[in-house]
Amino acid sequence: MILSDVKAYVKEHGRVSVRDTALQFDVSEAVARDMLDHWARKKILRREKEQVCSRACASCALKCGSFYVYTGG
């Protein structure tokens, strides 16, 4: 897996969560966030503000957290 795969994944889906990216590439959420942040620094992606979930669960179907949007930069 390389950074360009992550960029292609976000481009294909338009908007992705850190959790979904981590699951897609079988990496930790910290690694997924680092890869997504790489593209955000280059203005290819835009990080949306974190959403706060009122549920106290680790595997929520709402997939709260950070999202990244493809900007095409």
Protein backbone atom coordinates (compact mmCIF):
# COMPACT_ATOMS: atom_id res chain seq x y z
CA MET A 1 0.00 0.00 0.00
CA ILE A 2 1.27 3.43 -0.87
CA LEU A 3 0.02 6.96 -0.40
CA SER A 4 -1.32 7.14 -3.94
CA ASP A 5 -3.67 4.24 -3.13
CA VAL A 6 -5.13 6.27 -0.27
CA LYS A 7 -5.59 9.29 -2.53
CA ALA A 8 -7.33 7.13 -5.15
CA TYR A 9 -9.59 5.65 -2.47
CA VAL A 10 -10.73 9.08 -1.28
CA LYS A 11 -11.14 10.32 -4.86
CA GLU A 12 -13.35 7.34 -5.66
CA HIS A 13 -15.54 7.78 -2.59
CA GLY A 14 -15.53 11.58 -2.34
CA ARG A 15 -15.65 11.60 1.46
CA VAL A 16 -14.17 9.03 3.84
CA SER A 17 -13.71 8.59 7.56
CA VAL A 18 -10.44 7.76 9.24
CA ARG A 19 -12.04 4.56 10.53
CA ASP A 20 -13.16 3.42 7.07
CA THR A 21 -9.73 4.17 5.61
CA ALA A 22 -8.04 2.18 8.37
CA LEU A 23 -10.32 -0.79 7.72
CA GLN A 24 -9.90 -0.55 3.94
CA PHE A 25 -6.09 -0.64 4.15
CA ASP A 26 -5.81 -2.86 7.26
CA VAL A 27 -3.84 -0.30 9.26
CA SER A 28 -4.40 1.46 12.59
CA GLU A 29 -6.48 4.62 12.69
CA ALA A 30 -3.32 6.56 13.60
CA VAL A 31 -1.58 5.37 10.42
CA ALA A 32 -4.66 6.09 8.32
CA ARG A 33 -4.89 9.61 9.78
CA ASP A 34 -1.20 10.23 9.00
CA MET A 35 -1.70 9.19 5.38
CA LEU A 36 -4.83 11.29 4.99
CA ASP A 37 -3.13 14.26 6.64
CA HIS A 38 -0.28 13.95 4.12
CA TRP A 39 -2.74 14.64 1.29
CA ALA A 40 -4.50 17.35 3.29
CA ARG A 41 -1.20 19.22 3.66
CA LYS A 42 -0.85 19.09 -0.14
CA LYS A 43 -4.40 20.47 -0.53
CA ILE A 44 -5.62 17.31 -2.29
CA LEU A 45 -7.95 16.54 0.62
CA ARG A 46 -9.73 18.71 3.13
CA ARG A 47 -10.21 17.55 6.69
CA GLU A 48 -13.66 18.22 8.10
CA LYS A 49 -14.14 19.06 11.74
CA GLU A 50 -14.53 16.07 14.02
CA GLN A 51 -18.06 15.10 14.74
CA VAL A 52 -18.89 14.34 18.34
CA CYS A 53 -21.03 11.31 18.98
CA SER A 54 -23.21 11.04 22.07
CA ARG A 55 -22.82 7.26 22.15
CA ALA A 56 -20.15 5.65 24.29
CA CYS A 57 -19.19 2.79 22.00
CA ALA A 58 -16.05 1.75 20.18
CA SER A 59 -17.64 0.33 17.03
CA CYS A 60 -20.59 2.57 16.31
CA ALA A 61 -22.40 2.32 12.99
CA LEU A 62 -22.50 6.13 12.88
CA LYS A 63 -18.73 6.19 12.29
CA CYS A 64 -18.22 9.45 14.13
CA GLY A 65 -14.84 11.12 13.98
CA SER A 66 -12.72 12.79 11.37
CA PHE A 67 -13.69 12.84 7.73
CA TYR A 68 -11.66 13.81 4.68
CA VAL A 69 -13.08 15.14 1.44
CA TYR A 70 -11.42 14.98 -1.96
CA THR A 71 -10.88 18.50 -3.30
CA GLY A 72 -9.12 17.60 -6.53
CA GLY A 73 -6.20 19.91 -5.84
